[in-house]
Protein backbone atom coordinates (compact mmCIF):
# COMPACT_ATOMS: atom_id res chain seq x y z
CA GLN A 1 0.00 0.00 0.00
CA VAL A 2 1.23 3.46 -0.88
CA GLN A 3 0.66 6.46 1.35
CA LEU A 4 1.29 10.12 0.67
CA VAL A 5 1.70 12.32 3.72
CA GLU A 6 1.68 16.10 3.53
CA SER A 7 3.26 18.37 6.11
CA GLY A 8 4.13 22.03 6.54
CA GLY A 9 0.75 23.73 6.55
CA GLY A 10 -0.42 26.23 9.10
CA LEU A 11 -1.28 29.86 9.68
CA VAL A 12 0.77 32.47 7.85
CA GLN A 13 0.40 36.22 7.39
CA PRO A 14 -0.28 37.75 3.99
CA GLY A 15 2.99 38.19 2.14
CA GLY A 16 4.58 35.38 4.08
CA SER A 17 5.98 32.05 2.98
CA VAL A 18 5.44 28.41 3.76
CA ARG A 19 6.90 25.19 2.42
CA LEU A 20 4.80 22.09 2.01
CA SER A 21 6.26 18.60 1.80
CA CYS A 22 4.74 15.38 0.52
CA ALA A 23 6.45 12.13 1.36
CA ALA A 24 5.58 8.71 -0.02
CA SER A 25 5.75 5.68 2.21
CA GLY A 26 4.75 2.06 2.12
CA ARG A 27 5.21 -0.02 -1.00
CA THR A 28 8.11 1.19 -3.13
CA ILE A 29 6.77 3.07 -6.11
CA SER A 30 7.99 5.62 -8.59
CA PHE A 31 5.64 8.38 -9.62
CA TYR A 32 5.64 9.58 -13.20
CA GLY A 33 3.85 12.77 -12.26
CA MET A 34 3.23 14.50 -8.98
CA GLY A 35 1.20 17.54 -8.18
CA TRP A 36 -0.29 19.82 -5.59
CA TYR A 37 -4.00 20.58 -5.56
CA ARG A 38 -6.06 22.79 -3.29
CA GLN A 39 -9.66 22.97 -2.28
CA THR A 40 -11.85 25.41 -0.41
CA PRO A 41 -15.35 24.71 0.94
CA GLY A 42 -17.94 24.53 -1.81
CA LYS A 43 -15.40 24.59 -4.62
CA LYS A 44 -13.86 21.93 -6.80
CA ARG A 45 -10.34 20.76 -6.13
CA GLU A 46 -8.00 22.65 -8.43
CA LEU A 47 -4.49 21.99 -9.69
CA VAL A 48 -1.91 24.33 -8.22
CA ALA A 49 1.27 22.92 -9.73
CA SER A 50 2.57 19.69 -11.19
CA ILE A 51 5.96 18.20 -11.91
CA ALA A 52 6.90 15.28 -14.11
CA ILE A 53 9.66 12.81 -13.34
CA ASP A 54 11.95 14.65 -15.77
CA GLY A 55 11.39 17.92 -13.91
CA ARG A 56 8.98 19.58 -16.30
CA THR A 57 6.63 21.82 -14.32
CA ASN A 58 3.23 23.37 -14.79
CA TYR A 59 1.57 26.07 -12.68
CA ALA A 60 -1.86 27.56 -12.31
CA ASP A 61 -1.87 31.16 -13.51
CA SER A 62 -2.85 32.35 -10.04
CA VAL A 63 0.39 31.08 -8.48
CA LYS A 64 2.93 31.64 -11.25
CA GLY A 65 5.93 33.56 -9.99
CA ARG A 66 4.99 32.95 -6.34
CA PHE A 67 5.02 29.16 -5.91
CA THR A 68 7.75 26.70 -6.82
CA ILE A 69 7.25 22.96 -7.07
CA SER A 70 10.13 20.53 -6.80
CA ARG A 71 10.73 16.86 -6.15
CA ASP A 72 13.46 14.56 -4.93
CA ASN A 73 13.00 11.32 -6.85
CA ALA A 74 15.51 9.45 -4.72
CA LYS A 75 13.49 10.27 -1.60
CA ASN A 76 10.10 10.06 -3.34
CA THR A 77 9.30 13.44 -1.88
CA MET A 78 7.73 16.53 -3.38
CA TYR A 79 7.76 20.11 -2.16
CA LEU A 80 5.83 23.30 -2.73
CA GLN A 81 7.52 26.56 -1.79
CA MET A 82 4.82 29.19 -1.42
CA ASN A 83 5.90 32.83 -1.31
CA SER A 84 4.04 36.15 -1.30
CA LEU A 85 0.99 34.39 0.04
CA LEU A 86 -2.44 35.96 -0.39
CA PRO A 87 -5.62 35.38 1.62
CA GLU A 88 -7.09 33.68 -1.45
CA ASP A 89 -4.39 31.02 -1.18
CA THR A 90 -6.16 29.76 1.94
CA ALA A 91 -7.20 26.18 1.28
CA VAL A 92 -6.57 22.56 2.09
CA TYR A 93 -3.61 21.50 -0.02
CA TYR A 94 -3.41 17.92 -1.27
CA CYS A 95 -0.54 16.11 -2.90
CA ASN A 96 -1.09 13.64 -5.68
CA GLY A 97 1.11 11.08 -7.31
CA VAL A 98 0.46 9.16 -10.53
CA SER A 99 2.37 5.97 -11.10
CA PHE A 100 3.69 4.73 -14.45
CA SER A 101 0.74 2.32 -14.55
CA GLY A 102 -1.69 5.21 -14.18
CA SER A 103 -2.73 4.65 -10.57
CA SER A 104 -3.44 7.86 -8.68
CA TYR A 105 -2.67 8.37 -5.01
CA TRP A 106 -3.75 11.21 -2.75
CA GLY A 107 -2.57 12.53 0.58
CA GLN A 108 -4.91 13.44 3.39
CA GLY A 109 -4.44 17.18 2.94
CA THR A 110 -2.89 19.97 4.96
CA GLN A 111 -4.55 23.27 5.82
CA VAL A 112 -2.90 26.52 4.81
CA THR A 113 -4.52 29.65 6.20
CA VAL A 114 -3.32 33.08 5.10
CA SER A 115 -4.60 35.69 7.50
CA SER A 116 -3.41 38.58 9.61
């Protein structure tokens, strides 16, 4: 069984920074693609950023220039550096990993609240 565990969320002031981590544990697996999603109450889960195994990245327009996604394939860990945070970045952030066989795995989510 594969588990993804997020960490690093919390309360941060507008303009501040936070770094999220997503670590895979359990059965050894390599993810072709990994990504961060976020969701607020009453809204659909949306893609924030994604990164392929070769390092190619993709960002939502709303976070371009502020967020940076990265991964350490050897450690099967993914990160999201979030800078210049805005109140509208408040959400539960989920990590996702897609294996080479197409199986999708989700973490349990971590809350990020941007408020003064």
